[in-house]
Amino acid sequence: CKVGDRVSGEGHITCGFCRNCRAGKRHLCEKSVGVGIQRSGAFSEFLVIPESNVWPIHNSIPSEIAAFFDPFGNAVHTALSFDIVGEDVLITGAGPIGIMCASICKFVGARNVVITDINEYRLDLAQKLGASKTINISNEKIEDYFEELNIANGFDVGLEVSGNPSAFNNLLSQMYNGGNVALLGLLPKATQINWDNIIFKGLHIKGIYGREMYETWYKMTQMLQSGL
């Protein structure tokens, strides 16, 4: 990069020398420092980050899109945690990241992308941006739509992005045996879950934090250039 280039930047500054950093898993660095948390952040005229954290923005990507690469990266990391081609995906939480997850899942080839929330405006937006089915969980049940969606025994992949304990428990109860769950939502520490839904179903749960450095950045750039 040179002065004047449009860039974004990875917000986690890592040590580069710990076991995870040396293994190429820098997003899991134990000494990670968050820009805007442990050190001065954005929303200012200038921002100082290491050169290795700078990500150049391709000319084909508008600045309006590049401006939210950070949360978009969270959505990409979450949605692409597992193989979703031809799979049925349940997303709990139709906030900005949940809606982006729905678009990503449909774009890369998921069969059904179902998203739940209690906000009709957000659900309508999710449907416009790729969700196969939106469900207002305050007055509808997910399982009531299984026949319509040709889902026999539950969802293959679950993405929890709401941070709501009730939503997370509902997601676990709707998973197919052996299914995969990516957990991005920050649940309260006192959250209680039905462990039977995890143990006896043999579910795999993956915690999501930030973006994979820098595989997530490559993937989100390439998807945008490919028509997402």
C-alpha atoms as a PDB file:
ATOM      1  CA  CYS A   1       0.000   0.000   0.000  1.00  0.00           C
ATOM      2  CA  LYS A   2       0.996   3.610  -0.490  1.00  0.00           C
ATOM      3  CA  VAL A   3      -0.226   6.952   0.800  1.00  0.00           C
ATOM      4  CA  GLY A   4      -3.636   7.726  -0.683  1.00  0.00           C
ATOM      5  CA  ASP A   5      -4.790   4.117  -1.101  1.00  0.00           C
ATOM      6  CA  ARG A   6      -8.154   3.106   0.338  1.00  0.00           C
ATOM      7  CA  VAL A   7      -7.696   0.568   3.110  1.00  0.00           C
ATOM      8  CA  SER A   8      -9.478  -1.154   5.949  1.00  0.00           C
ATOM      9  CA  GLY A   9      -7.782  -2.681   8.957  1.00  0.00           C
ATOM     10  CA  GLU A  10      -7.921  -5.703  11.228  1.00  0.00           C
ATOM     11  CA  GLY A  11      -8.860  -4.490  14.694  1.00  0.00           C
ATOM     12  CA  HIS A  12      -6.983  -7.143  16.655  1.00  0.00           C
ATOM     13  CA  ILE A  13      -3.264  -6.563  17.076  1.00  0.00           C
ATOM     14  CA  THR A  14      -1.478  -9.811  17.860  1.00  0.00           C
ATOM     15  CA  CYS A  15       1.939 -10.672  19.284  1.00  0.00           C
ATOM     16  CA  GLY A  16       3.130 -12.761  16.323  1.00  0.00           C
ATOM     17  CA  PHE A  17       5.193 -15.086  18.510  1.00  0.00           C
ATOM     18  CA  CYS A  18       2.824 -17.236  20.593  1.00  0.00           C
ATOM     19  CA  ARG A  19       1.879 -20.786  19.651  1.00  0.00           C
ATOM     20  CA  ASN A  20      -1.322 -19.777  17.853  1.00  0.00           C
ATOM     21  CA  CYS A  21       0.295 -16.904  15.966  1.00  0.00           C
ATOM     22  CA  ARG A  22       3.107 -19.156  14.768  1.00  0.00           C
ATOM     23  CA  ALA A  23       0.530 -21.763  13.714  1.00  0.00           C
ATOM     24  CA  GLY A  24      -1.313 -19.235  11.544  1.00  0.00           C
ATOM     25  CA  LYS A  25      -4.211 -18.834  14.002  1.00  0.00           C
ATOM     26  CA  ARG A  26      -3.597 -15.230  14.935  1.00  0.00           C
ATOM     27  CA  HIS A  27      -7.258 -14.611  15.789  1.00  0.00           C
ATOM     28  CA  LEU A  28      -6.664 -16.880  18.804  1.00  0.00           C
ATOM     29  CA  CYS A  29      -3.610 -14.995  20.104  1.00  0.00           C
ATOM     30  CA  GLU A  30      -3.713 -14.857  23.900  1.00  0.00           C
ATOM     31  CA  LYS A  31      -1.999 -11.455  23.893  1.00  0.00           C
ATOM     32  CA  SER A  32      -4.343  -9.872  21.358  1.00  0.00           C
ATOM     33  CA  VAL A  33      -4.976  -6.140  21.821  1.00  0.00           C
ATOM     34  CA  GLY A  34      -8.273  -4.728  20.574  1.00  0.00           C
ATOM     35  CA  VAL A  35      -8.306  -1.402  18.741  1.00  0.00           C
ATOM     36  CA  GLY A  36     -10.882   0.754  20.486  1.00  0.00           C
ATOM     37  CA  ILE A  37     -10.728  -1.391  23.628  1.00  0.00           C
ATOM     38  CA  GLN A  38      -7.191  -1.750  24.971  1.00  0.00           C
ATOM     39  CA  ARG A  39      -5.863   1.059  22.763  1.00  0.00           C
ATOM     40  CA  SER A  40      -7.269   4.114  20.967  1.00  0.00           C
ATOM     41  CA  GLY A  41      -9.751   3.229  18.264  1.00  0.00           C
ATOM     42  CA  ALA A  42     -11.533   4.621  15.222  1.00  0.00           C
ATOM     43  CA  PHE A  43     -14.115   7.403  14.691  1.00  0.00           C
ATOM     44  CA  SER A  44     -11.272   9.884  14.476  1.00  0.00           C
ATOM     45  CA  GLU A  45      -9.322  11.542  11.696  1.00  0.00           C
ATOM     46  CA  PHE A  46      -6.327   9.239  12.097  1.00  0.00           C
ATOM     47  CA  LEU A  47      -5.850   5.687  13.329  1.00  0.00           C
ATOM     48  CA  VAL A  48      -2.543   3.972  14.056  1.00  0.00           C
ATOM     49  CA  ILE A  49      -2.259   0.229  13.422  1.00  0.00           C
ATOM     50  CA  PRO A  50       0.631  -2.023  12.335  1.00  0.00           C
ATOM     51  CA  GLU A  51       1.243  -2.195   8.591  1.00  0.00           C
ATOM     52  CA  SER A  52       0.511  -5.923   8.691  1.00  0.00           C
ATOM     53  CA  ASN A  53      -3.038  -5.146   9.879  1.00  0.00           C
ATOM     54  CA  VAL A  54      -3.818  -2.957   6.873  1.00  0.00           C
ATOM     55  CA  TRP A  55      -6.123  -4.456   4.246  1.00  0.00           C
ATOM     56  CA  PRO A  56      -6.203  -2.770   0.800  1.00  0.00           C
ATOM     57  CA  ILE A  57      -9.652  -2.167  -0.678  1.00  0.00           C
ATOM     58  CA  HIS A  58     -10.092  -3.194  -4.312  1.00  0.00           C
ATOM     59  CA  ASN A  59     -11.329  -0.503  -6.703  1.00  0.00           C
ATOM     60  CA  SER A  60     -14.484  -2.523  -7.418  1.00  0.00           C
ATOM     61  CA  ILE A  61     -15.644  -2.273  -3.790  1.00  0.00           C
ATOM     62  CA  PRO A  62     -17.433   0.992  -2.855  1.00  0.00           C
ATOM     63  CA  SER A  63     -16.272   2.844   0.243  1.00  0.00           C
ATOM     64  CA  GLU A  64     -19.791   2.481   1.690  1.00  0.00           C
ATOM     65  CA  ILE A  65     -19.278  -1.296   1.718  1.00  0.00           C
ATOM     66  CA  ALA A  66     -15.664  -1.186   2.870  1.00  0.00           C
ATOM     67  CA  ALA A  67     -16.738   0.936   5.845  1.00  0.00           C
ATOM     68  CA  PHE A  68     -18.341  -2.074   7.554  1.00  0.00           C
ATOM     69  CA  PHE A  69     -15.708  -4.706   6.750  1.00  0.00           C
ATOM     70  CA  ASP A  70     -15.190  -5.271  10.492  1.00  0.00           C
ATOM     71  CA  PRO A  71     -18.738  -6.511  11.317  1.00  0.00           C
ATOM     72  CA  PHE A  72     -19.046  -8.044   7.847  1.00  0.00           C
ATOM     73  CA  GLY A  73     -15.969 -10.080   8.707  1.00  0.00           C
ATOM     74  CA  ASN A  74     -17.676 -11.341  11.865  1.00  0.00           C
ATOM     75  CA  ALA A  75     -20.596 -12.510   9.733  1.00  0.00           C
ATOM     76  CA  VAL A  76     -18.312 -14.199   7.189  1.00  0.00           C
ATOM     77  CA  HIS A  77     -16.323 -15.952   9.921  1.00  0.00           C
ATOM     78  CA  THR A  78     -19.568 -17.201  11.495  1.00  0.00           C
ATOM     79  CA  ALA A  79     -21.382 -18.236   8.312  1.00  0.00           C
ATOM     80  CA  LEU A  80     -18.397 -20.045   6.802  1.00  0.00           C
ATOM     81  CA  SER A  81     -17.379 -21.899   9.972  1.00  0.00           C
ATOM     82  CA  PHE A  82     -18.776 -25.116   8.503  1.00  0.00           C
ATOM     83  CA  ASP A  83     -19.553 -26.562   5.080  1.00  0.00           C
ATOM     84  CA  ILE A  84     -23.034 -25.223   4.290  1.00  0.00           C
ATOM     85  CA  VAL A  85     -23.409 -26.200   0.623  1.00  0.00           C
ATOM     86  CA  GLY A  86     -26.771 -27.956   0.288  1.00  0.00           C
ATOM     87  CA  GLU A  87     -27.381 -27.728   4.039  1.00  0.00           C
ATOM     88  CA  ASP A  88     -30.315 -26.363   6.039  1.00  0.00           C
ATOM     89  CA  VAL A  89     -29.187 -23.398   8.159  1.00  0.00           C
ATOM     90  CA  LEU A  90     -30.961 -21.823  11.135  1.00  0.00           C
ATOM     91  CA  ILE A  91     -29.923 -18.309  12.201  1.00  0.00           C
ATOM     92  CA  THR A  92     -31.155 -16.872  15.505  1.00  0.00           C
ATOM     93  CA  GLY A  93     -31.108 -13.080  15.499  1.00  0.00           C
ATOM     94  CA  ALA A  94     -31.915 -10.820  12.539  1.00  0.00           C
ATOM     95  CA  GLY A  95     -29.664  -7.942  13.499  1.00  0.00           C
ATOM     96  CA  PRO A  96     -27.122  -6.579  11.000  1.00  0.00           C
ATOM     97  CA  ILE A  97     -24.729  -9.519  11.427  1.00  0.00           C
ATOM     98  CA  GLY A  98     -27.520 -12.104  11.323  1.00  0.00           C
ATOM     99  CA  ILE A  99     -28.890 -10.618   8.110  1.00  0.00           C
ATOM    100  CA  MET A 100     -25.411 -10.593   6.565  1.00  0.00           C
ATOM    101  CA  CYS A 101     -25.031 -14.243   7.595  1.00  0.00           C
ATOM    102  CA  ALA A 102     -28.270 -15.069   5.769  1.00  0.00           C
ATOM    103  CA  SER A 103     -27.027 -13.406   2.574  1.00  0.00           C
ATOM    104  CA  ILE A 104     -23.690 -15.208   2.775  1.00  0.00           C
ATOM    105  CA  CYS A 105     -25.242 -18.628   3.407  1.00  0.00           C
ATOM    106  CA  LYS A 106     -27.594 -18.313   0.448  1.00  0.00           C
ATOM    107  CA  PHE A 107     -24.818 -16.967  -1.783  1.00  0.00           C
ATOM    108  CA  VAL A 108     -22.491 -19.909  -1.149  1.00  0.00           C
ATOM    109  CA  GLY A 109     -25.165 -22.557  -1.673  1.00  0.00           C
ATOM    110  CA  ALA A 110     -27.138 -23.424   1.465  1.00  0.00           C
ATOM    111  CA  ARG A 111     -30.467 -25.114   0.707  1.00  0.00           C
ATOM    112  CA  ASN A 112     -32.726 -23.458   3.286  1.00  0.00           C
ATOM    113  CA  VAL A 113     -31.701 -20.368   5.253  1.00  0.00           C
ATOM    114  CA  VAL A 114     -34.155 -19.756   8.083  1.00  0.00           C
ATOM    115  CA  ILE A 115     -33.775 -16.749  10.378  1.00  0.00           C
ATOM    116  CA  THR A 116     -35.709 -15.943  13.557  1.00  0.00           C
ATOM    117  CA  ASP A 117     -36.335 -12.714  15.444  1.00  0.00           C
ATOM    118  CA  ILE A 118     -39.188 -10.770  17.052  1.00  0.00           C
ATOM    119  CA  ASN A 119     -38.746  -7.615  14.941  1.00  0.00           C
ATOM    120  CA  GLU A 120     -40.820  -7.644  11.740  1.00  0.00           C
ATOM    121  CA  TYR A 121     -38.800  -4.867  10.100  1.00  0.00           C
ATOM    122  CA  ARG A 122     -35.576  -6.819  10.516  1.00  0.00           C
ATOM    123  CA  LEU A 123     -37.213 -10.038   9.336  1.00  0.00           C
ATOM    124  CA  ASP A 124     -38.515  -8.306   6.198  1.00  0.00           C
ATOM    125  CA  LEU A 125     -35.026  -6.982   5.490  1.00  0.00           C
ATOM    126  CA  ALA A 126     -33.550 -10.453   6.003  1.00  0.00           C
ATOM    127  CA  GLN A 127     -35.955 -11.926   3.459  1.00  0.00           C
ATOM    128  CA  LYS A 128     -35.062  -9.244   0.911  1.00  0.00           C
ATOM    129  CA  LEU A 129     -31.371 -10.056   1.389  1.00  0.00           C
ATOM    130  CA  GLY A 130     -31.545 -13.815   0.939  1.00  0.00           C
ATOM    131  CA  ALA A 131     -33.326 -15.646   3.762  1.00  0.00           C
ATOM    132  CA  SER A 132     -35.479 -18.532   2.528  1.00  0.00           C
ATOM    133  CA  LYS A 133     -37.852 -18.193   5.462  1.00  0.00           C
ATOM    134  CA  THR A 134     -38.243 -15.635   8.235  1.00  0.00           C
ATOM    135  CA  ILE A 135     -40.000 -16.579  11.470  1.00  0.00           C
ATOM    136  CA  ASN A 136     -41.280 -14.217  14.147  1.00  0.00           C
ATOM    137  CA  ILE A 137     -40.533 -16.389  17.130  1.00  0.00           C
ATOM    138  CA  SER A 138     -42.904 -14.389  19.350  1.00  0.00           C
ATOM    139  CA  ASN A 139     -45.943 -15.884  17.607  1.00  0.00           C
ATOM    140  CA  GLU A 140     -44.632 -18.693  15.372  1.00  0.00           C
ATOM    141  CA  LYS A 141     -42.862 -22.012  15.896  1.00  0.00           C
ATOM    142  CA  ILE A 142     -39.901 -23.085  13.790  1.00  0.00           C
ATOM    143  CA  GLU A 143     -41.020 -26.709  13.547  1.00  0.00           C
ATOM    144  CA  ASP A 144     -44.351 -25.656  12.016  1.00  0.00           C
ATOM    145  CA  TYR A 145     -42.475 -24.868   8.796  1.00  0.00           C
ATOM    146  CA  PHE A 146     -40.508 -28.122   8.482  1.00  0.00           C
ATOM    147  CA  GLU A 147     -42.943 -29.641   5.984  1.00  0.00           C
ATOM    148  CA  GLU A 148     -42.990 -26.488   3.844  1.00  0.00           C
ATOM    149  CA  LEU A 149     -39.181 -26.433   3.771  1.00  0.00           C
ATOM    150  CA  ASN A 150     -38.877 -30.212   3.338  1.00  0.00           C
ATOM    151  CA  ILE A 151     -36.857 -30.515   6.541  1.00  0.00           C
ATOM    152  CA  ALA A 152     -37.225 -33.955   8.099  1.00  0.00           C
ATOM    153  CA  ASN A 153     -35.239 -34.012  11.332  1.00  0.00           C
ATOM    154  CA  GLY A 154     -33.831 -30.562  12.035  1.00  0.00           C
ATOM    155  CA  PHE A 155     -31.138 -28.181  10.850  1.00  0.00           C
ATOM    156  CA  ASP A 156     -27.632 -29.167   9.793  1.00  0.00           C
ATOM    157  CA  VAL A 157     -26.027 -25.861  10.796  1.00  0.00           C
ATOM    158  CA  GLY A 158     -27.034 -23.290  13.409  1.00  0.00           C
ATOM    159  CA  LEU A 159     -25.701 -19.738  13.700  1.00  0.00           C
ATOM    160  CA  GLU A 160     -26.431 -17.984  17.008  1.00  0.00           C
ATOM    161  CA  VAL A 161     -25.946 -14.234  16.679  1.00  0.00           C
ATOM    162  CA  SER A 162     -28.615 -12.837  19.015  1.00  0.00           C
ATOM    163  CA  GLY A 163     -27.014 -13.263  22.433  1.00  0.00           C
ATOM    164  CA  ASN A 164     -30.455 -14.264  23.722  1.00  0.00           C
ATOM    165  CA  PRO A 165     -30.551 -17.378  25.970  1.00  0.00           C
ATOM    166  CA  SER A 166     -34.061 -18.340  24.864  1.00  0.00           C
ATOM    167  CA  ALA A 167     -33.061 -18.096  21.197  1.00  0.00           C
ATOM    168  CA  PHE A 168     -29.951 -20.206  21.778  1.00  0.00           C
ATOM    169  CA  ASN A 169     -31.913 -22.920  23.575  1.00  0.00           C
ATOM    170  CA  ASN A 170     -34.497 -22.899  20.800  1.00  0.00           C
ATOM    171  CA  LEU A 171     -31.734 -23.288  18.214  1.00  0.00           C
ATOM    172  CA  LEU A 172     -30.212 -26.265  20.045  1.00  0.00           C
ATOM    173  CA  SER A 173     -33.596 -27.994  20.190  1.00  0.00           C
ATOM    174  CA  GLN A 174     -34.027 -27.639  16.412  1.00  0.00           C
ATOM    175  CA  MET A 175     -30.663 -29.122  15.417  1.00  0.00           C
ATOM    176  CA  TYR A 176     -30.243 -32.434  13.584  1.00  0.00           C
ATOM    177  CA  ASN A 177     -28.135 -35.067  15.341  1.00  0.00           C
ATOM    178  CA  GLY A 178     -24.454 -34.391  14.702  1.00  0.00           C
ATOM    179  CA  GLY A 179     -25.155 -30.832  13.589  1.00  0.00           C
ATOM    180  CA  ASN A 180     -22.772 -27.887  13.801  1.00  0.00           C
ATOM    181  CA  VAL A 181     -23.377 -24.662  15.734  1.00  0.00           C
ATOM    182  CA  ALA A 182     -21.392 -21.419  15.446  1.00  0.00           C
ATOM    183  CA  LEU A 183     -21.813 -19.173  18.482  1.00  0.00           C
ATOM    184  CA  LEU A 184     -21.109 -15.466  17.968  1.00  0.00           C
ATOM    185  CA  GLY A 185     -23.784 -13.935  20.218  1.00  0.00           C
ATOM    186  CA  LEU A 186     -22.550 -12.898  23.659  1.00  0.00           C
ATOM    187  CA  LEU A 187     -24.793 -14.742  26.095  1.00  0.00           C
ATOM    188  CA  PRO A 188     -25.188 -13.713  29.755  1.00  0.00           C
ATOM    189  CA  LYS A 189     -22.843 -15.595  32.071  1.00  0.00           C
ATOM    190  CA  ALA A 190     -25.823 -17.038  33.947  1.00  0.00           C
ATOM    191  CA  THR A 191     -27.323 -18.580  30.788  1.00  0.00           C
ATOM    192  CA  GLN A 192     -28.780 -22.024  31.409  1.00  0.00           C
ATOM    193  CA  ILE A 193     -29.064 -24.537  28.578  1.00  0.00           C
ATOM    194  CA  ASN A 194     -30.446 -28.027  28.193  1.00  0.00           C
ATOM    195  CA  TRP A 195     -27.217 -30.009  27.920  1.00  0.00           C
ATOM    196  CA  ASP A 196     -29.136 -33.053  26.683  1.00  0.00           C
ATOM    197  CA  ASN A 197     -29.614 -31.224  23.383  1.00  0.00           C
ATOM    198  CA  ILE A 198     -25.842 -31.058  22.984  1.00  0.00           C
ATOM    199  CA  ILE A 199     -24.685 -34.346  24.486  1.00  0.00           C
ATOM    200  CA  PHE A 200     -27.251 -36.793  23.128  1.00  0.00           C
ATOM    201  CA  LYS A 201     -27.432 -35.093  19.742  1.00  0.00           C
ATOM    202  CA  GLY A 202     -23.654 -35.047  19.451  1.00  0.00           C
ATOM    203  CA  LEU A 203     -23.626 -31.385  18.448  1.00  0.00           C
ATOM    204  CA  HIS A 204     -20.416 -29.541  17.606  1.00  0.00           C
ATOM    205  CA  ILE A 205     -20.263 -25.973  18.957  1.00  0.00           C
ATOM    206  CA  LYS A 206     -17.656 -23.473  17.804  1.00  0.00           C
ATOM    207  CA  GLY A 207     -17.110 -20.129  19.494  1.00  0.00           C
ATOM    208  CA  ILE A 208     -16.551 -17.224  17.098  1.00  0.00           C
ATOM    209  CA  TYR A 209     -14.418 -14.215  17.959  1.00  0.00           C
ATOM    210  CA  GLY A 210     -13.438 -11.582  15.420  1.00  0.00           C
ATOM    211  CA  ARG A 211     -12.145 -12.646  12.034  1.00  0.00           C
ATOM    212  CA  GLU A 212      -9.645 -15.294  10.982  1.00  0.00           C
ATOM    213  CA  MET A 213      -6.476 -13.470  10.021  1.00  0.00           C
ATOM    214  CA  TYR A 214      -6.439 -13.152   7.213  1.00  0.00           C
ATOM    215  CA  GLU A 215      -8.474 -15.876   5.559  1.00  0.00           C
ATOM    216  CA  THR A 216     -11.757 -14.164   6.451  1.00  0.00           C
ATOM    217  CA  TRP A 217     -10.564 -10.959   4.782  1.00  0.00           C
ATOM    218  CA  TYR A 218      -9.748 -12.824   1.578  1.00  0.00           C
ATOM    219  CA  LYS A 219     -13.119 -14.572   1.558  1.00  0.00           C
ATOM    220  CA  MET A 220     -15.207 -11.465   2.138  1.00  0.00           C
ATOM    221  CA  THR A 221     -13.319  -9.557  -0.546  1.00  0.00           C
ATOM    222  CA  GLN A 222     -13.659 -12.365  -3.090  1.00  0.00           C
ATOM    223  CA  MET A 223     -17.381 -12.851  -2.395  1.00  0.00           C
ATOM    224  CA  LEU A 224     -18.068  -9.144  -2.892  1.00  0.00           C
ATOM    225  CA  GLN A 225     -16.149  -9.216  -6.165  1.00  0.00           C
ATOM    226  CA  SER A 226     -18.130 -12.304  -7.203  1.00  0.00           C
ATOM    227  CA  GLY A 227     -21.551 -10.728  -6.820  1.00  0.00           C
ATOM    228  CA  LEU A 228     -22.569 -10.924  -3.148  1.00  0.00           C
END
